[in-house]
């Protein structure tokens, strides 16, 4: 499976780079997923991509952010369908768990492919 994903990624990069590094940068810029590109949201999506789920407090500690900041960015990812949120209670304490959805995983893959292509274009200059 990994070999196929690498082959698909290389083919996408090849198509993106066919027009040359400078035009690739100009043509590729609008396709950048601005929702994921923001630092905190990229951190959330990245952390969730390597964990089945993380709690609100785990994400807050990992990303070194405030409750309000994390809450706002988590809601944006949830509204986009990139992250799923499950609320429950542990005893009397509320617990919020987040997990990356299939759409979120695809969005992160597209974002990473795009960034890799941009990096490669700059190195080929």
C-alpha atoms as a PDB file:
ATOM      1  CA  UNK A   1       0.000   0.000   0.000  1.00  0.00           C
ATOM      2  CA  UNK A   2       2.814   2.440   0.894  1.00  0.00           C
ATOM      3  CA  UNK A   3       4.546   1.771  -2.430  1.00  0.00           C
ATOM      4  CA  UNK A   4       1.343   2.646  -4.308  1.00  0.00           C
ATOM      5  CA  UNK A   5       0.885   5.849  -2.291  1.00  0.00           C
ATOM      6  CA  UNK A   6       4.480   6.853  -3.018  1.00  0.00           C
ATOM      7  CA  UNK A   7       3.982   6.168  -6.737  1.00  0.00           C
ATOM      8  CA  UNK A   8       0.789   8.246  -6.778  1.00  0.00           C
ATOM      9  CA  UNK A   9       2.555  11.072  -4.889  1.00  0.00           C
ATOM     10  CA  UNK A  10       5.496  11.041  -7.310  1.00  0.00           C
ATOM     11  CA  UNK A  11       3.118  11.155 -10.286  1.00  0.00           C
ATOM     12  CA  UNK A  12       1.272  14.151  -8.796  1.00  0.00           C
ATOM     13  CA  UNK A  13       4.568  15.915  -8.130  1.00  0.00           C
ATOM     14  CA  UNK A  14       5.727  15.163 -11.659  1.00  0.00           C
ATOM     15  CA  UNK A  15       2.550  16.677 -13.149  1.00  0.00           C
ATOM     16  CA  UNK A  16       2.790  19.700 -10.861  1.00  0.00           C
ATOM     17  CA  UNK A  17       6.443  20.269 -11.694  1.00  0.00           C
ATOM     18  CA  UNK A  18       6.138  19.829 -15.478  1.00  0.00           C
ATOM     19  CA  UNK A  19       5.485  23.509 -15.956  1.00  0.00           C
ATOM     20  CA  UNK A  20       8.735  24.471 -14.178  1.00  0.00           C
ATOM     21  CA  UNK A  21       9.542  25.727 -10.686  1.00  0.00           C
ATOM     22  CA  UNK A  22       8.494  29.359 -11.051  1.00  0.00           C
ATOM     23  CA  UNK A  23       5.145  28.686 -12.715  1.00  0.00           C
ATOM     24  CA  UNK A  24       4.553  25.800 -10.312  1.00  0.00           C
ATOM     25  CA  UNK A  25       4.830  28.149  -7.372  1.00  0.00           C
ATOM     26  CA  UNK A  26       2.504  30.667  -8.982  1.00  0.00           C
ATOM     27  CA  UNK A  27      -0.003  28.067 -10.170  1.00  0.00           C
ATOM     28  CA  UNK A  28       0.095  26.000  -6.985  1.00  0.00           C
ATOM     29  CA  UNK A  29      -0.346  28.761  -4.421  1.00  0.00           C
ATOM     30  CA  UNK A  30      -4.156  29.071  -4.668  1.00  0.00           C
ATOM     31  CA  UNK A  31      -4.533  25.315  -4.094  1.00  0.00           C
ATOM     32  CA  UNK A  32      -2.943  25.490  -0.650  1.00  0.00           C
ATOM     33  CA  UNK A  33      -5.507  24.431   1.961  1.00  0.00           C
ATOM     34  CA  UNK A  34      -5.632  27.580   4.070  1.00  0.00           C
ATOM     35  CA  UNK A  35      -7.708  25.816   6.703  1.00  0.00           C
ATOM     36  CA  UNK A  36      -4.900  23.343   7.472  1.00  0.00           C
ATOM     37  CA  UNK A  37      -2.050  25.768   6.779  1.00  0.00           C
ATOM     38  CA  UNK A  38      -2.648  27.738  10.004  1.00  0.00           C
ATOM     39  CA  UNK A  39      -0.054  26.652  12.581  1.00  0.00           C
ATOM     40  CA  UNK A  40      -2.345  25.446  15.356  1.00  0.00           C
ATOM     41  CA  UNK A  41      -4.744  23.626  13.025  1.00  0.00           C
ATOM     42  CA  UNK A  42      -1.819  21.966  11.220  1.00  0.00           C
ATOM     43  CA  UNK A  43      -0.534  20.860  14.615  1.00  0.00           C
ATOM     44  CA  UNK A  44      -3.926  19.428  15.559  1.00  0.00           C
ATOM     45  CA  UNK A  45      -4.383  17.546  12.296  1.00  0.00           C
ATOM     46  CA  UNK A  46      -0.810  16.250  12.416  1.00  0.00           C
ATOM     47  CA  UNK A  47      -1.153  15.046  16.008  1.00  0.00           C
ATOM     48  CA  UNK A  48      -4.469  13.363  15.250  1.00  0.00           C
ATOM     49  CA  UNK A  49      -3.029  11.683  12.158  1.00  0.00           C
ATOM     50  CA  UNK A  50      -0.662   9.631  14.327  1.00  0.00           C
ATOM     51  CA  UNK A  51      -3.089   8.999  17.202  1.00  0.00           C
ATOM     52  CA  UNK A  52      -6.490   7.303  17.105  1.00  0.00           C
ATOM     53  CA  UNK A  53      -7.879  10.138  19.205  1.00  0.00           C
ATOM     54  CA  UNK A  54      -6.728  12.820  21.618  1.00  0.00           C
ATOM     55  CA  UNK A  55      -8.594  14.631  24.354  1.00  0.00           C
ATOM     56  CA  UNK A  56      -8.998  18.380  24.498  1.00  0.00           C
ATOM     57  CA  UNK A  57      -6.522  18.562  27.387  1.00  0.00           C
ATOM     58  CA  UNK A  58      -3.975  16.366  25.600  1.00  0.00           C
ATOM     59  CA  UNK A  59      -4.132  18.596  22.509  1.00  0.00           C
ATOM     60  CA  UNK A  60      -3.954  21.737  24.644  1.00  0.00           C
ATOM     61  CA  UNK A  61      -0.817  20.509  26.408  1.00  0.00           C
ATOM     62  CA  UNK A  62       0.782  19.153  23.232  1.00  0.00           C
ATOM     63  CA  UNK A  63       0.213  22.370  21.283  1.00  0.00           C
ATOM     64  CA  UNK A  64       0.894  24.669  24.261  1.00  0.00           C
ATOM     65  CA  UNK A  65      -2.189  26.792  23.725  1.00  0.00           C
ATOM     66  CA  UNK A  66      -5.154  28.174  25.648  1.00  0.00           C
ATOM     67  CA  UNK A  67      -8.625  26.677  26.020  1.00  0.00           C
ATOM     68  CA  UNK A  68     -10.214  29.417  23.922  1.00  0.00           C
ATOM     69  CA  UNK A  69      -7.661  29.251  21.124  1.00  0.00           C
ATOM     70  CA  UNK A  70      -7.883  25.468  20.854  1.00  0.00           C
ATOM     71  CA  UNK A  71     -11.657  25.553  20.998  1.00  0.00           C
ATOM     72  CA  UNK A  72     -11.943  28.036  18.118  1.00  0.00           C
ATOM     73  CA  UNK A  73      -9.539  26.140  15.867  1.00  0.00           C
ATOM     74  CA  UNK A  74     -11.055  22.750  16.718  1.00  0.00           C
ATOM     75  CA  UNK A  75     -14.486  24.068  15.775  1.00  0.00           C
ATOM     76  CA  UNK A  76     -13.214  25.261  12.375  1.00  0.00           C
ATOM     77  CA  UNK A  77     -11.757  21.824  11.657  1.00  0.00           C
ATOM     78  CA  UNK A  78     -14.954  20.177  12.854  1.00  0.00           C
ATOM     79  CA  UNK A  79     -17.131  22.412  10.651  1.00  0.00           C
ATOM     80  CA  UNK A  80     -14.956  21.502   7.655  1.00  0.00           C
ATOM     81  CA  UNK A  81     -15.451  17.813   8.418  1.00  0.00           C
ATOM     82  CA  UNK A  82     -11.741  17.246   9.038  1.00  0.00           C
ATOM     83  CA  UNK A  83     -12.123  16.411  12.727  1.00  0.00           C
ATOM     84  CA  UNK A  84     -14.847  14.584  14.664  1.00  0.00           C
ATOM     85  CA  UNK A  85     -15.614  15.554  18.243  1.00  0.00           C
ATOM     86  CA  UNK A  86     -17.175  13.294  20.901  1.00  0.00           C
ATOM     87  CA  UNK A  87     -18.233  14.731  24.240  1.00  0.00           C
ATOM     88  CA  UNK A  88     -18.717  12.586  27.332  1.00  0.00           C
ATOM     89  CA  UNK A  89     -18.198  12.629  31.081  1.00  0.00           C
ATOM     90  CA  UNK A  90     -15.577  10.967  33.256  1.00  0.00           C
ATOM     91  CA  UNK A  91     -17.369  10.970  36.564  1.00  0.00           C
ATOM     92  CA  UNK A  92     -18.506  14.584  36.828  1.00  0.00           C
ATOM     93  CA  UNK A  93     -15.779  15.977  34.594  1.00  0.00           C
ATOM     94  CA  UNK A  94     -16.541  16.704  30.931  1.00  0.00           C
ATOM     95  CA  UNK A  95     -14.296  14.999  28.389  1.00  0.00           C
ATOM     96  CA  UNK A  96     -13.931  15.959  24.741  1.00  0.00           C
ATOM     97  CA  UNK A  97     -12.231  13.537  22.375  1.00  0.00           C
ATOM     98  CA  UNK A  98     -11.106  14.446  18.863  1.00  0.00           C
ATOM     99  CA  UNK A  99     -10.253  12.160  15.991  1.00  0.00           C
ATOM    100  CA  UNK A 100      -9.230  12.786  12.401  1.00  0.00           C
ATOM    101  CA  UNK A 101     -11.900  11.906   9.838  1.00  0.00           C
ATOM    102  CA  UNK A 102     -11.243  10.297   6.458  1.00  0.00           C
ATOM    103  CA  UNK A 103     -11.796  13.710   4.841  1.00  0.00           C
ATOM    104  CA  UNK A 104      -9.284  15.243   7.257  1.00  0.00           C
ATOM    105  CA  UNK A 105      -6.716  12.562   6.454  1.00  0.00           C
ATOM    106  CA  UNK A 106      -7.179  13.178   2.697  1.00  0.00           C
ATOM    107  CA  UNK A 107      -6.880  16.936   3.217  1.00  0.00           C
ATOM    108  CA  UNK A 108      -3.653  16.476   5.179  1.00  0.00           C
ATOM    109  CA  UNK A 109      -2.258  14.188   2.449  1.00  0.00           C
ATOM    110  CA  UNK A 110      -3.099  16.780  -0.232  1.00  0.00           C
ATOM    111  CA  UNK A 111      -1.524  19.522   1.880  1.00  0.00           C
ATOM    112  CA  UNK A 112       1.665  17.519   2.438  1.00  0.00           C
ATOM    113  CA  UNK A 113       1.870  16.574  -1.263  1.00  0.00           C
ATOM    114  CA  UNK A 114       1.516  20.241  -2.179  1.00  0.00           C
ATOM    115  CA  UNK A 115       4.191  21.345   0.276  1.00  0.00           C
ATOM    116  CA  UNK A 116       6.559  18.578  -0.898  1.00  0.00           C
ATOM    117  CA  UNK A 117       6.074  19.696  -4.507  1.00  0.00           C
ATOM    118  CA  UNK A 118       6.804  23.310  -3.578  1.00  0.00           C
ATOM    119  CA  UNK A 119       9.938  22.297  -1.697  1.00  0.00           C
ATOM    120  CA  UNK A 120      11.100  20.157  -4.608  1.00  0.00           C
ATOM    121  CA  UNK A 121      10.425  22.994  -7.057  1.00  0.00           C
ATOM    122  CA  UNK A 122      12.566  25.344  -4.994  1.00  0.00           C
ATOM    123  CA  UNK A 123      15.390  22.799  -4.758  1.00  0.00           C
ATOM    124  CA  UNK A 124      15.307  22.259  -8.532  1.00  0.00           C
ATOM    125  CA  UNK A 125      15.783  25.958  -9.236  1.00  0.00           C
END
